Amino acid sequence: SVDVAAYETHRIALGLPDGARDMTPEKSILLENGFDELNGVDWK
């Protein structure tokens, strides 16, 4: 068990977005935030 700050350091170093903390609702688009490479969109 570790503090959540350790996970935040891990997440940020990898460049993984965390919802509205890193994207602006009703303004941001998925591909600006890595959803293609991060398996967040199915193109088929």
Full PDB file with SEQRES, HELIX, SHEET, SSBOND, CRYST1, ORIGX, SCALE, CONECT and MASTER records, all heavy atoms in Angstrom:
SEQRES   1 A   44  SER VAL ASP VAL ALA ALA TYR GLU THR HIS ARG ILE ALA          
SEQRES   2 A   44  LEU GLY LEU PRO ASP GLY ALA ARG ASP MET THR PRO GLU          
SEQRES   3 A   44  LYS SER ILE LEU LEU GLU ASN GLY PHE ASP GLU LEU ASN          
SEQRES   4 A   44  GLY VAL ASP TRP LYS                                          
HELIX    1 AA1 VAL A    4  LEU A   14  1                                  11    
HELIX    2 AA2 GLY A   19  ASP A   22  1                                   4    
HELIX    3 AA3 LEU A   30  ASN A   33  5                                   4    
CRYST1    1.000    1.000    1.000  90.00  90.00  90.00 P 1           1          
ORIGX1      1.000000  0.000000  0.000000        0.00000                         
ORIGX2      0.000000  1.000000  0.000000        0.00000                         
ORIGX3      0.000000  0.000000  1.000000        0.00000                         
SCALE1      1.000000  0.000000  0.000000        0.00000                         
SCALE2      0.000000  1.000000  0.000000        0.00000                         
SCALE3      0.000000  0.000000  1.000000        0.00000                         
ATOM      1  N   SER A   1       0.818  -1.200   0.000  1.00  0.00           N  
ATOM      2  CA  SER A   1       0.000   0.000   0.000  1.00  0.00           C  
ATOM      3  C   SER A   1       0.861   1.263   0.000  1.00  0.00           C  
ATOM      4  O   SER A   1       1.840   1.367   0.742  1.00  0.00           O  
ATOM      5  CB  SER A   1      -0.919   0.014   1.218  1.00  0.00           C  
ATOM      6  OG  SER A   1      -1.716   1.171   1.242  1.00  0.00           O  
ATOM      7  N   VAL A   2       0.501   2.240  -0.868  1.00  0.00           N  
ATOM      8  CA  VAL A   2       1.201   3.518  -0.935  1.00  0.00           C  
ATOM      9  C   VAL A   2       0.168   4.643  -0.987  1.00  0.00           C  
ATOM     10  O   VAL A   2      -1.026   4.409  -1.165  1.00  0.00           O  
ATOM     11  CB  VAL A   2       2.121   3.612  -2.172  1.00  0.00           C  
ATOM     12  CG1 VAL A   2       3.266   2.616  -2.075  1.00  0.00           C  
ATOM     13  CG2 VAL A   2       1.327   3.405  -3.461  1.00  0.00           C  
ATOM     14  N   ASP A   3       0.643   5.862  -0.848  1.00  0.00           N  
ATOM     15  CA  ASP A   3      -0.224   7.031  -0.920  1.00  0.00           C  
ATOM     16  C   ASP A   3      -0.631   7.293  -2.369  1.00  0.00           C  
ATOM     17  O   ASP A   3       0.103   6.981  -3.307  1.00  0.00           O  
ATOM     18  CB  ASP A   3       0.522   8.255  -0.360  1.00  0.00           C  
ATOM     19  CG  ASP A   3      -0.401   9.449  -0.213  1.00  0.00           C  
ATOM     20  OD1 ASP A   3      -1.045   9.581   0.836  1.00  0.00           O  
ATOM     21  OD2 ASP A   3      -0.474  10.242  -1.170  1.00  0.00           O  
ATOM     22  N   VAL A   4      -1.805   7.912  -2.556  1.00  0.00           N  
ATOM     23  CA  VAL A   4      -2.293   8.186  -3.908  1.00  0.00           C  
ATOM     24  C   VAL A   4      -1.349   9.098  -4.682  1.00  0.00           C  
ATOM     25  O   VAL A   4      -1.316   9.074  -5.923  1.00  0.00           O  
ATOM     26  CB  VAL A   4      -3.726   8.778  -3.854  1.00  0.00           C  
ATOM     27  CG1 VAL A   4      -3.712  10.193  -3.275  1.00  0.00           C  
ATOM     28  CG2 VAL A   4      -4.380   8.753  -5.227  1.00  0.00           C  
ATOM     29  N   ALA A   5      -0.523   9.895  -3.985  1.00  0.00           N  
ATOM     30  CA  ALA A   5       0.442  10.756  -4.675  1.00  0.00           C  
ATOM     31  C   ALA A   5       1.420   9.945  -5.510  1.00  0.00           C  
ATOM     32  O   ALA A   5       1.879  10.402  -6.570  1.00  0.00           O  
ATOM     33  CB  ALA A   5       1.197  11.613  -3.664  1.00  0.00           C  
ATOM     34  N   ALA A   6       1.747   8.734  -5.060  1.00  0.00           N  
ATOM     35  CA  ALA A   6       2.656   7.879  -5.822  1.00  0.00           C  
ATOM     36  C   ALA A   6       2.027   7.476  -7.151  1.00  0.00           C  
ATOM     37  O   ALA A   6       2.705   7.419  -8.186  1.00  0.00           O  
ATOM     38  CB  ALA A   6       3.026   6.647  -5.009  1.00  0.00           C  
ATOM     39  N   TYR A   7       0.708   7.198  -7.112  1.00  0.00           N  
ATOM     40  CA  TYR A   7       0.036   6.867  -8.375  1.00  0.00           C  
ATOM     41  C   TYR A   7      -0.041   8.084  -9.290  1.00  0.00           C  
ATOM     42  O   TYR A   7       0.143   7.964 -10.509  1.00  0.00           O  
ATOM     43  CB  TYR A   7      -1.373   6.326  -8.124  1.00  0.00           C  
ATOM     44  CG  TYR A   7      -2.097   6.068  -9.427  1.00  0.00           C  
ATOM     45  CD1 TYR A   7      -1.710   5.013 -10.248  1.00  0.00           C  
ATOM     46  CD2 TYR A   7      -3.130   6.900  -9.860  1.00  0.00           C  
ATOM     47  CE1 TYR A   7      -2.340   4.787 -11.457  1.00  0.00           C  
ATOM     48  CE2 TYR A   7      -3.764   6.677 -11.069  1.00  0.00           C  
ATOM     49  CZ  TYR A   7      -3.360   5.620 -11.867  1.00  0.00           C  
ATOM     50  OH  TYR A   7      -3.977   5.399 -13.083  1.00  0.00           O  
ATOM     51  N   GLU A   8      -0.305   9.257  -8.734  1.00  0.00           N  
ATOM     52  CA  GLU A   8      -0.371  10.460  -9.555  1.00  0.00           C  
ATOM     53  C   GLU A   8       0.961  10.704 -10.271  1.00  0.00           C  
ATOM     54  O   GLU A   8       0.986  11.061 -11.441  1.00  0.00           O  
ATOM     55  CB  GLU A   8      -0.746  11.665  -8.693  1.00  0.00           C  
ATOM     56  CG  GLU A   8      -2.207  11.697  -8.303  1.00  0.00           C  
ATOM     57  CD  GLU A   8      -3.099  11.872  -9.516  1.00  0.00           C  
ATOM     58  OE1 GLU A   8      -3.149  12.978 -10.080  1.00  0.00           O  
ATOM     59  OE2 GLU A   8      -3.731  10.876  -9.928  1.00  0.00           O  
ATOM     60  N   THR A   9       2.058  10.499  -9.571  1.00  0.00           N  
ATOM     61  CA  THR A   9       3.378  10.649 -10.191  1.00  0.00           C  
ATOM     62  C   THR A   9       3.532   9.654 -11.337  1.00  0.00           C  
ATOM     63  O   THR A   9       4.020   9.998 -12.427  1.00  0.00           O  
ATOM     64  CB  THR A   9       4.486  10.436  -9.142  1.00  0.00           C  
ATOM     65  OG1 THR A   9       4.366  11.432  -8.127  1.00  0.00           O  
ATOM     66  CG2 THR A   9       5.864  10.516  -9.762  1.00  0.00           C  
ATOM     67  N   HIS A  10       3.119   8.430 -11.104  1.00  0.00           N  
ATOM     68  CA  HIS A  10       3.188   7.380 -12.123  1.00  0.00           C  
ATOM     69  C   HIS A  10       2.326   7.734 -13.337  1.00  0.00           C  
ATOM     70  O   HIS A  10       2.779   7.658 -14.487  1.00  0.00           O  
ATOM     71  CB  HIS A  10       2.719   6.071 -11.476  1.00  0.00           C  
ATOM     72  CG  HIS A  10       2.561   4.910 -12.394  1.00  0.00           C  
ATOM     73  ND1 HIS A  10       3.635   4.248 -12.946  1.00  0.00           N  
ATOM     74  CD2 HIS A  10       1.440   4.272 -12.857  1.00  0.00           C  
ATOM     75  CE1 HIS A  10       3.196   3.257 -13.709  1.00  0.00           C  
ATOM     76  NE2 HIS A  10       1.870   3.254 -13.664  1.00  0.00           N  
ATOM     77  N   ARG A  11       1.080   8.119 -13.081  1.00  0.00           N  
ATOM     78  CA  ARG A  11       0.138   8.438 -14.163  1.00  0.00           C  
ATOM     79  C   ARG A  11       0.620   9.602 -15.013  1.00  0.00           C  
ATOM     80  O   ARG A  11       0.603   9.548 -16.257  1.00  0.00           O  
ATOM     81  CB  ARG A  11      -1.243   8.765 -13.559  1.00  0.00           C  
ATOM     82  CG  ARG A  11      -2.286   9.199 -14.575  1.00  0.00           C  
ATOM     83  CD  ARG A  11      -3.566   9.633 -13.905  1.00  0.00           C  
ATOM     84  NE  ARG A  11      -3.455  10.867 -13.150  1.00  0.00           N  
ATOM     85  CZ  ARG A  11      -3.505  12.083 -13.691  1.00  0.00           C  
ATOM     86  NH1 ARG A  11      -3.636  12.242 -14.997  1.00  0.00           N  
ATOM     87  NH2 ARG A  11      -3.416  13.154 -12.918  1.00  0.00           N  
ATOM     88  N   ILE A  12       1.047  10.663 -14.352  1.00  0.00           N  
ATOM     89  CA  ILE A  12       1.464  11.858 -15.068  1.00  0.00           C  
ATOM     90  C   ILE A  12       2.719  11.596 -15.897  1.00  0.00           C  
ATOM     91  O   ILE A  12       2.830  12.036 -17.051  1.00  0.00           O  
ATOM     92  CB  ILE A  12       1.664  13.027 -14.088  1.00  0.00           C  
ATOM     93  CG1 ILE A  12       0.299  13.478 -13.540  1.00  0.00           C  
ATOM     94  CG2 ILE A  12       2.392  14.194 -14.741  1.00  0.00           C  
ATOM     95  CD1 ILE A  12       0.388  14.453 -12.383  1.00  0.00           C  
ATOM     96  N   ALA A  13       3.655  10.838 -15.352  1.00  0.00           N  
ATOM     97  CA  ALA A  13       4.871  10.513 -16.100  1.00  0.00           C  
ATOM     98  C   ALA A  13       4.552   9.740 -17.378  1.00  0.00           C  
ATOM     99  O   ALA A  13       5.230   9.909 -18.405  1.00  0.00           O  
ATOM    100  CB  ALA A  13       5.830   9.716 -15.230  1.00  0.00           C  
ATOM    101  N   LEU A  14       3.512   8.907 -17.339  1.00  0.00           N  
ATOM    102  CA  LEU A  14       3.108   8.149 -18.523  1.00  0.00           C  
ATOM    103  C   LEU A  14       2.291   8.982 -19.506  1.00  0.00           C  
ATOM    104  O   LEU A  14       2.059   8.550 -20.642  1.00  0.00           O  
ATOM    105  CB  LEU A  14       2.297   6.921 -18.111  1.00  0.00           C  
ATOM    106  CG  LEU A  14       3.060   5.805 -17.397  1.00  0.00           C  
ATOM    107  CD1 LEU A  14       2.090   4.717 -16.948  1.00  0.00           C  
ATOM    108  CD2 LEU A  14       4.147   5.225 -18.285  1.00  0.00           C  
ATOM    109  N   GLY A  15       1.811  10.148 -19.075  1.00  0.00           N  
ATOM    110  CA  GLY A  15       1.000  10.986 -19.943  1.00  0.00           C  
ATOM    111  C   GLY A  15      -0.445  10.556 -20.036  1.00  0.00           C  
ATOM    112  O   GLY A  15      -1.114  10.818 -21.044  1.00  0.00           O  
ATOM    113  N   LEU A  16      -0.980   9.925 -18.985  1.00  0.00           N  
ATOM    114  CA  LEU A  16      -2.347   9.420 -19.002  1.00  0.00           C  
ATOM    115  C   LEU A  16      -3.315  10.473 -18.466  1.00  0.00           C  
ATOM    116  O   LEU A  16      -3.212  10.882 -17.309  1.00  0.00           O  
ATOM    117  CB  LEU A  16      -2.456   8.158 -18.151  1.00  0.00           C  
ATOM    118  CG  LEU A  16      -1.568   6.989 -18.575  1.00  0.00           C  
ATOM    119  CD1 LEU A  16      -1.727   5.828 -17.600  1.00  0.00           C  
ATOM    120  CD2 LEU A  16      -1.880   6.549 -19.992  1.00  0.00           C  
ATOM    121  N   PRO A  17      -4.285  10.896 -19.265  1.00  0.00           N  
ATOM    122  CA  PRO A  17      -5.230  11.914 -18.808  1.00  0.00           C  
ATOM    123  C   PRO A  17      -6.184  11.383 -17.753  1.00  0.00           C  
ATOM    124  O   PRO A  17      -6.462  10.183 -17.680  1.00  0.00           O  
ATOM    125  CB  PRO A  17      -5.995  12.285 -20.092  1.00  0.00           C  
ATOM    126  CG  PRO A  17      -5.899  11.061 -20.944  1.00  0.00           C  
ATOM    127  CD  PRO A  17      -4.552  10.467 -20.652  1.00  0.00           C  
ATOM    128  N   ASP A  18      -6.673  12.276 -16.925  1.00  0.00           N  
ATOM    129  CA  ASP A  18      -7.640  11.936 -15.882  1.00  0.00           C  
ATOM    130  C   ASP A  18      -8.844  12.847 -16.009  1.00  0.00           C  
ATOM    131  O   ASP A  18      -8.974  13.850 -15.320  1.00  0.00           O  
ATOM    132  CB  ASP A  18      -6.997  12.072 -14.504  1.00  0.00           C  
ATOM    133  CG  ASP A  18      -7.958  11.702 -13.371  1.00  0.00           C  
ATOM    134  OD1 ASP A  18      -8.926  10.967 -13.645  1.00  0.00           O  
ATOM    135  OD2 ASP A  18      -7.744  12.155 -12.235  1.00  0.00           O  
ATOM    136  N   GLY A  19      -9.735  12.476 -16.922  1.00  0.00           N  
ATOM    137  CA  GLY A  19     -11.012  13.157 -17.067  1.00  0.00           C  
ATOM    138  C   GLY A  19     -10.924  14.667 -17.126  1.00  0.00           C  
ATOM    139  O   GLY A  19     -10.031  15.248 -17.746  1.00  0.00           O  
ATOM    140  N   ALA A  20     -11.855  15.328 -16.436  1.00  0.00           N  
ATOM    141  CA  ALA A  20     -11.953  16.782 -16.500  1.00  0.00           C  
ATOM    142  C   ALA A  20     -10.798  17.494 -15.814  1.00  0.00           C  
ATOM    143  O   ALA A  20     -10.659  18.708 -15.933  1.00  0.00           O  
ATOM    144  CB  ALA A  20     -13.279  17.243 -15.901  1.00  0.00           C  
ATOM    145  N   ARG A  21      -9.950  16.763 -15.094  1.00  0.00           N  
ATOM    146  CA  ARG A  21      -8.745  17.393 -14.545  1.00  0.00           C  
ATOM    147  C   ARG A  21      -7.763  17.741 -15.661  1.00  0.00           C  
ATOM    148  O   ARG A  21      -6.958  18.664 -15.519  1.00  0.00           O  
ATOM    149  CB  ARG A  21      -8.070  16.457 -13.541  1.00  0.00           C  
ATOM    150  CG  ARG A  21      -8.916  16.124 -12.336  1.00  0.00           C  
ATOM    151  CD  ARG A  21      -8.237  15.093 -11.477  1.00  0.00           C  
ATOM    152  NE  ARG A  21      -6.980  15.590 -10.927  1.00  0.00           N  
ATOM    153  CZ  ARG A  21      -5.994  14.809 -10.504  1.00  0.00           C  
ATOM    154  NH1 ARG A  21      -6.100  13.488 -10.588  1.00  0.00           N  
ATOM    155  NH2 ARG A  21      -4.906  15.335  -9.993  1.00  0.00           N  
ATOM    156  N   ASP A  22      -7.812  16.981 -16.750  1.00  0.00           N  
ATOM    157  CA  ASP A  22      -6.864  17.190 -17.841  1.00  0.00           C  
ATOM    158  C   ASP A  22      -7.533  17.538 -19.158  1.00  0.00           C  
ATOM    159  O   ASP A  22      -6.851  17.885 -20.123  1.00  0.00           O  
ATOM    160  CB  ASP A  22      -6.000  15.936 -18.031  1.00  0.00           C  
ATOM    161  CG  ASP A  22      -5.126  15.667 -16.819  1.00  0.00           C  
ATOM    162  OD1 ASP A  22      -4.408  16.581 -16.406  1.00  0.00           O  
ATOM    163  OD2 ASP A  22      -5.182  14.548 -16.273  1.00  0.00           O  
ATOM    164  N   MET A  23      -8.846  17.419 -19.219  1.00  0.00           N  
ATOM    165  CA  MET A  23      -9.592  17.765 -20.426  1.00  0.00           C  
ATOM    166  C   MET A  23     -10.734  18.700 -20.045  1.00  0.00           C  
ATOM    167  O   MET A  23     -11.213  18.657 -18.914  1.00  0.00           O  
ATOM    168  CB  MET A  23     -10.131  16.503 -21.104  1.00  0.00           C  
ATOM    169  CG  MET A  23      -9.032  15.594 -21.629  1.00  0.00           C  
ATOM    170  SD  MET A  23      -9.655  14.025 -22.290  1.00  0.00           S  
ATOM    171  CE  MET A  23      -9.734  13.049 -20.782  1.00  0.00           C  
ATOM    172  N   THR A  24     -11.160  19.512 -20.981  1.00  0.00           N  
ATOM    173  CA  THR A  24     -12.209  20.485 -20.707  1.00  0.00           C  
ATOM    174  C   THR A  24     -13.536  19.981 -21.260  1.00  0.00           C  
ATOM    175  O   THR A  24     -13.680  19.840 -22.479  1.00  0.00           O  
ATOM    176  CB  THR A  24     -11.878  21.846 -21.344  1.00  0.00           C  
ATOM    177  OG1 THR A  24     -10.588  22.269 -20.895  1.00  0.00           O  
ATOM    178  CG2 THR A  24     -12.921  22.888 -20.970  1.00  0.00           C  
ATOM    179  N   PRO A  25     -14.501  19.662 -20.404  1.00  0.00           N  
ATOM    180  CA  PRO A  25     -15.788  19.175 -20.893  1.00  0.00           C  
ATOM    181  C   PRO A  25     -16.426  20.140 -21.887  1.00  0.00           C  
ATOM    182  O   PRO A  25     -16.410  21.354 -21.706  1.00  0.00           O  
ATOM    183  CB  PRO A  25     -16.627  19.054 -19.610  1.00  0.00           C  
ATOM    184  CG  PRO A  25     -15.616  18.795 -18.540  1.00  0.00           C  
ATOM    185  CD  PRO A  25     -14.429  19.644 -18.926  1.00  0.00           C  
ATOM    186  N   GLU A  26     -16.951  19.548 -22.966  1.00  0.00           N  
ATOM    187  CA  GLU A  26     -17.644  20.243 -24.044  1.00  0.00           C  
ATOM    188  C   GLU A  26     -16.710  21.126 -24.872  1.00  0.00           C  
ATOM    189  O   GLU A  26     -17.175  21.928 -25.679  1.00  0.00           O  
ATOM    190  CB  GLU A  26     -18.842  21.036 -23.517  1.00  0.00           C  
ATOM    191  CG  GLU A  26     -19.847  20.132 -22.815  1.00  0.00           C  
ATOM    192  CD  GLU A  26     -21.178  20.812 -22.544  1.00  0.00           C  
ATOM    193  OE1 GLU A  26     -21.477  21.828 -23.187  1.00  0.00           O  
ATOM    194  OE2 GLU A  26     -21.912  20.311 -21.673  1.00  0.00           O  
ATOM    195  N   LYS A  27     -15.393  20.974 -24.711  1.00  0.00           N  
ATOM    196  CA  LYS A  27     -14.427  21.691 -25.544  1.00  0.00           C  
ATOM    197  C   LYS A  27     -13.346  20.770 -26.093  1.00  0.00           C  
ATOM    198  O   LYS A  27     -12.996  20.850 -27.268  1.00  0.00           O  
ATOM    199  CB  LYS A  27     -13.784  22.845 -24.763  1.00  0.00           C  
ATOM    200  CG  LYS A  27     -14.726  23.986 -24.458  1.00  0.00           C  
ATOM    201  CD  LYS A  27     -13.986  25.166 -23.827  1.00  0.00           C  
ATOM    202  CE  LYS A  27     -14.931  26.329 -23.579  1.00  0.00           C  
ATOM    203  NZ  LYS A  27     -14.222  27.491 -22.966  1.00  0.00           N  
ATOM    204  N   SER A  28     -12.785  19.907 -25.241  1.00  0.00           N  
ATOM    205  CA  SER A  28     -11.693  19.033 -25.685  1.00  0.00           C  
ATOM    206  C   SER A  28     -12.205  17.968 -26.655  1.00  0.00           C  
ATOM    207  O   SER A  28     -13.375  17.566 -26.618  1.00  0.00           O  
ATOM    208  CB  SER A  28     -11.058  18.330 -24.483  1.00  0.00           C  
ATOM    209  OG  SER A  28     -10.408  19.249 -23.646  1.00  0.00           O  
ATOM    210  N   ILE A  29     -11.294  17.506 -27.527  1.00  0.00           N  
ATOM    211  CA  ILE A  29     -11.610  16.388 -28.414  1.00  0.00           C  
ATOM    212  C   ILE A  29     -10.678  15.220 -28.071  1.00  0.00           C  
ATOM    213  O   ILE A  29      -9.571  15.414 -27.570  1.00  0.00           O  
ATOM    214  CB  ILE A  29     -11.521  16.768 -29.896  1.00  0.00           C  
ATOM    215  CG1 ILE A  29     -10.127  17.272 -30.269  1.00  0.00           C  
ATOM    216  CG2 ILE A  29     -12.562  17.820 -30.228  1.00  0.00           C  
ATOM    217  CD1 ILE A  29      -9.986  17.590 -31.745  1.00  0.00           C  
ATOM    218  N   LEU A  30     -11.138  14.014 -28.335  1.00  0.00           N  
ATOM    219  CA  LEU A  30     -10.453  12.828 -27.851  1.00  0.00           C  
ATOM    220  C   LEU A  30      -9.025  12.698 -28.360  1.00  0.00           C  
ATOM    221  O   LEU A  30      -8.114  12.342 -27.610  1.00  0.00           O  
ATOM    222  CB  LEU A  30     -11.244  11.576 -28.230  1.00  0.00           C  
ATOM    223  CG  LEU A  30     -12.625  11.420 -27.609  1.00  0.00           C  
ATOM    224  CD1 LEU A  30     -13.182  10.030 -27.909  1.00  0.00           C  
ATOM    225  CD2 LEU A  30     -12.610  11.672 -26.107  1.00  0.00           C  
ATOM    226  N   LEU A  31      -8.810  12.972 -29.645  1.00  0.00           N  
ATOM    227  CA  LEU A  31      -7.498  12.678 -30.218  1.00  0.00           C  
ATOM    228  C   LEU A  31      -6.435  13.679 -29.798  1.00  0.00           C  
ATOM    229  O   LEU A  31      -5.237  13.418 -29.973  1.00  0.00           O  
ATOM    230  CB  LEU A  31      -7.595  12.596 -31.745  1.00  0.00           C  
ATOM    231  CG  LEU A  31      -8.594  11.563 -32.280  1.00  0.00           C  
ATOM    232  CD1 LEU A  31      -8.335  11.271 -33.751  1.00  0.00           C  
ATOM    233  CD2 LEU A  31      -8.579  10.265 -31.484  1.00  0.00           C  
ATOM    234  N   GLU A  32      -6.821  14.808 -29.213  1.00  0.00           N  
ATOM    235  CA  GLU A  32      -5.849  15.716 -28.606  1.00  0.00           C  
ATOM    236  C   GLU A  32      -5.298  15.128 -27.300  1.00  0.00           C  
ATOM    237  O   GLU A  32      -4.264  15.576 -26.814  1.00  0.00           O  
ATOM    238  CB  GLU A  32      -6.501  17.065 -28.282  1.00  0.00           C  
ATOM    239  CG  GLU A  32      -6.945  17.866 -29.478  1.00  0.00           C  
ATOM    240  CD  GLU A  32      -7.722  19.116 -29.085  1.00  0.00           C  
ATOM    241  OE1 GLU A  32      -8.114  19.243 -27.904  1.00  0.00           O  
ATOM    242  OE2 GLU A  32      -7.948  19.958 -29.975  1.00  0.00           O  
ATOM    243  N   ASN A  33      -5.994  14.144 -26.765  1.00  0.00           N  
ATOM    244  CA  ASN A  33      -5.674  13.637 -25.430  1.00  0.00           C  
ATOM    245  C   ASN A  33      -5.301  12.164 -25.412  1.00  0.00           C  
ATOM    246  O   ASN A  33      -5.389  11.501 -24.382  1.00  0.00           O  
ATOM    247  CB  ASN A  33      -6.866  13.902 -24.504  1.00  0.00           C  
ATOM    248  CG  ASN A  33      -7.109  15.384 -24.327  1.00  0.00           C  
ATOM    249  OD1 ASN A  33      -6.419  16.042 -23.566  1.00  0.00           O  
ATOM    250  ND2 ASN A  33      -8.086  15.925 -25.050  1.00  0.00           N  
ATOM    251  N   GLY A  34      -4.900  11.655 -26.581  1.00  0.00           N  
ATOM    252  CA  GLY A  34      -4.325  10.325 -26.650  1.00  0.00           C  
ATOM    253  C   GLY A  34      -5.292   9.170 -26.722  1.00  0.00           C  
ATOM    254  O   GLY A  34      -4.886   8.011 -26.598  1.00  0.00           O  
ATOM    255  N   PHE A  35      -6.581   9.417 -26.940  1.00  0.00           N  
ATOM    256  CA  PHE A  35      -7.551   8.324 -26.910  1.00  0.00           C  
ATOM    257  C   PHE A  35      -7.345   7.305 -28.024  1.00  0.00           C  
ATOM    258  O   PHE A  35      -7.747   6.151 -27.886  1.00  0.00           O  
ATOM    259  CB  PHE A  35      -8.982   8.875 -26.970  1.00  0.00           C  
ATOM    260  CG  PHE A  35      -9.542   9.207 -25.622  1.00  0.00           C  
ATOM    261  CD1 PHE A  35      -9.073  10.299 -24.913  1.00  0.00           C  
ATOM    262  CD2 PHE A  35     -10.527   8.425 -25.042  1.00  0.00           C  
ATOM    263  CE1 PHE A  35      -9.576  10.614 -23.669  1.00  0.00           C  
ATOM    264  CE2 PHE A  35     -11.043   8.726 -23.798  1.00  0.00           C  
ATOM    265  CZ  PHE A  35     -10.566   9.826 -23.104  1.00  0.00           C  
ATOM    266  N   ASP A  36      -6.746   7.707 -29.123  1.00  0.00           N  
ATOM    267  CA  ASP A  36      -6.477   6.754 -30.191  1.00  0.00           C  
ATOM    268  C   ASP A  36      -5.406   5.758 -29.740  1.00  0.00           C  
ATOM    269  O   ASP A  36      -5.635   4.543 -29.681  1.00  0.00           O  
ATOM    270  CB  ASP A  36      -6.024   7.500 -31.450  1.00  0.00           C  
ATOM    271  CG  ASP A  36      -5.968   6.595 -32.681  1.00  0.00           C  
ATOM    272  OD1 ASP A  36      -6.289   5.396 -32.556  1.00  0.00           O  
ATOM    273  OD2 ASP A  36      -5.597   7.088 -33.752  1.00  0.00           O  
ATOM    274  N   GLU A  37      -4.241   6.268 -29.356  1.00  0.00           N  
ATOM    275  CA  GLU A  37      -3.144   5.401 -28.948  1.00  0.00           C  
ATOM    276  C   GLU A  37      -3.436   4.666 -27.639  1.00  0.00           C  
ATOM    277  O   GLU A  37      -2.876   3.595 -27.379  1.00  0.00           O  
ATOM    278  CB  GLU A  37      -1.856   6.208 -28.781  1.00  0.00           C  
ATOM    279  CG  GLU A  37      -1.415   6.966 -30.031  1.00  0.00           C  
ATOM    280  CD  GLU A  37      -1.807   8.434 -29.968  1.00  0.00           C  
ATOM    281  OE1 GLU A  37      -3.011   8.707 -29.707  1.00  0.00           O  
ATOM    282  OE2 GLU A  37      -0.942   9.291 -30.153  1.00  0.00           O  
ATOM    283  N   LEU A  38      -4.288   5.228 -26.790  1.00  0.00           N  
ATOM    284  CA  LEU A  38      -4.591   4.637 -25.485  1.00  0.00           C  
ATOM    285  C   LEU A  38      -5.821   3.734 -25.528  1.00  0.00           C  
ATOM    286  O   LEU A  38      -6.419   3.432 -24.495  1.00  0.00           O  
ATOM    287  CB  LEU A  38      -4.780   5.736 -24.440  1.00  0.00           C  
ATOM    288  CG  LEU A  38      -3.529   6.582 -24.165  1.00  0.00           C  
ATOM    289  CD1 LEU A  38      -3.857   7.731 -23.226  1.00  0.00           C  
ATOM    290  CD2 LEU A  38      -2.401   5.728 -23.585  1.00  0.00           C  
ATOM    291  N   ASN A  39      -6.202   3.309 -26.725  1.00  0.00           N  
ATOM    292  CA  ASN A  39      -7.258   2.304 -26.900  1.00  0.00           C  
ATOM    293  C   ASN A  39      -8.613   2.759 -26.397  1.00  0.00           C  
ATOM    294  O   ASN A  39      -9.425   1.945 -25.935  1.00  0.00           O  
ATOM    295  CB  ASN A  39      -6.859   0.989 -26.200  1.00  0.00           C  
ATOM    296  CG  ASN A  39      -5.523   0.464 -26.676  1.00  0.00           C  
ATOM    297  OD1 ASN A  39      -5.292   0.353 -27.876  1.00  0.00           O  
ATOM    298  ND2 ASN A  39      -4.627   0.161 -25.748  1.00  0.00           N  
ATOM    299  N   GLY A  40      -8.884   4.065 -26.513  1.00  0.00           N  
ATOM    300  CA  GLY A  40     -10.151   4.600 -26.047  1.00  0.00           C  
ATOM    301  C   GLY A  40     -11.196   4.787 -27.123  1.00  0.00           C  
ATOM    302  O   GLY A  40     -12.325   5.203 -26.835  1.00  0.00           O  
ATOM    303  N   VAL A  41     -10.833   4.472 -28.379  1.00  0.00           N  
ATOM    304  CA  VAL A  41     -11.757   4.617 -29.510  1.00  0.00           C  
ATOM    305  C   VAL A  41     -11.687   3.344 -30.345  1.00  0.00           C  
ATOM    306  O   VAL A  41     -10.598   2.845 -30.643  1.00  0.00           O  
ATOM    307  CB  VAL A  41     -11.384   5.821 -30.396  1.00  0.00           C  
ATOM    308  CG1 VAL A  41     -12.358   5.943 -31.566  1.00  0.00           C  
ATOM    309  CG2 VAL A  41     -11.351   7.107 -29.592  1.00  0.00           C  
ATOM    310  N   ASP A  42     -12.833   2.828 -30.745  1.00  0.00           N  
ATOM    311  CA  ASP A  42     -12.881   1.719 -31.694  1.00  0.00           C  
ATOM    312  C   ASP A  42     -13.334   2.266 -33.041  1.00  0.00           C  
ATOM    313  O   ASP A  42     -14.423   2.816 -33.151  1.00  0.00           O  
ATOM    314  CB  ASP A  42     -13.837   0.626 -31.209  1.00  0.00           C  
ATOM    315  CG  ASP A  42     -13.775  -0.616 -32.070  1.00  0.00           C  
ATOM    316  OD1 ASP A  42     -14.304  -0.575 -33.204  1.00  0.00           O  
ATOM    317  OD2 ASP A  42     -13.185  -1.618 -31.640  1.00  0.00           O  
ATOM    318  N   TRP A  43     -12.473   2.106 -34.054  1.00  0.00           N  
ATOM    319  CA  TRP A  43     -12.742   2.712 -35.358  1.00  0.00           C  
ATOM    320  C   TRP A  43     -13.631   1.848 -36.234  1.00  0.00           C  
ATOM    321  O   TRP A  43     -14.015   2.255 -37.323  1.00  0.00           O  
ATOM    322  CB  TRP A  43     -11.427   3.011 -36.072  1.00  0.00           C  
ATOM    323  CG  TRP A  43     -10.557   3.937 -35.289  1.00  0.00           C  
ATOM    324  CD1 TRP A  43      -9.433   3.630 -34.589  1.00  0.00           C  
ATOM    325  CD2 TRP A  43     -10.765   5.336 -35.093  1.00  0.00           C  
ATOM    326  NE1 TRP A  43      -8.926   4.742 -33.973  1.00  0.00           N  
ATOM    327  CE2 TRP A  43      -9.715   5.805 -34.260  1.00  0.00           C  
ATOM    328  CE3 TRP A  43     -11.730   6.249 -35.531  1.00  0.00           C  
ATOM    329  CZ2 TRP A  43      -9.618   7.136 -33.865  1.00  0.00           C  
ATOM    330  CZ3 TRP A  43     -11.628   7.572 -35.139  1.00  0.00           C  
ATOM    331  CH2 TRP A  43     -10.582   8.003 -34.317  1.00  0.00           C  
ATOM    332  N   LYS A  44     -13.980   0.641 -35.780  1.00  0.00           N  
ATOM    333  CA  LYS A  44     -14.764  -0.274 -36.608  1.00  0.00           C  
ATOM    334  C   LYS A  44     -16.159  -0.540 -36.049  1.00  0.00           C  
ATOM    335  O   LYS A  44     -16.922  -1.301 -36.638  1.00  0.00           O  
ATOM    336  CB  LYS A  44     -14.024  -1.610 -36.752  1.00  0.00           C  
ATOM    337  CG  LYS A  44     -12.668  -1.475 -37.439  1.00  0.00           C  
ATOM    338  CD  LYS A  44     -11.967  -2.830 -37.508  1.00  0.00           C  
ATOM    339  CE  LYS A  44     -10.605  -2.701 -38.186  1.00  0.00           C  
ATOM    340  NZ  LYS A  44      -9.890  -4.012 -38.240  1.00  0.00           N  
TER     341      LYS A  44                                                      
MASTER        0    0    0    3    0    0    0    6  340    1    0    4          
END                                                                             
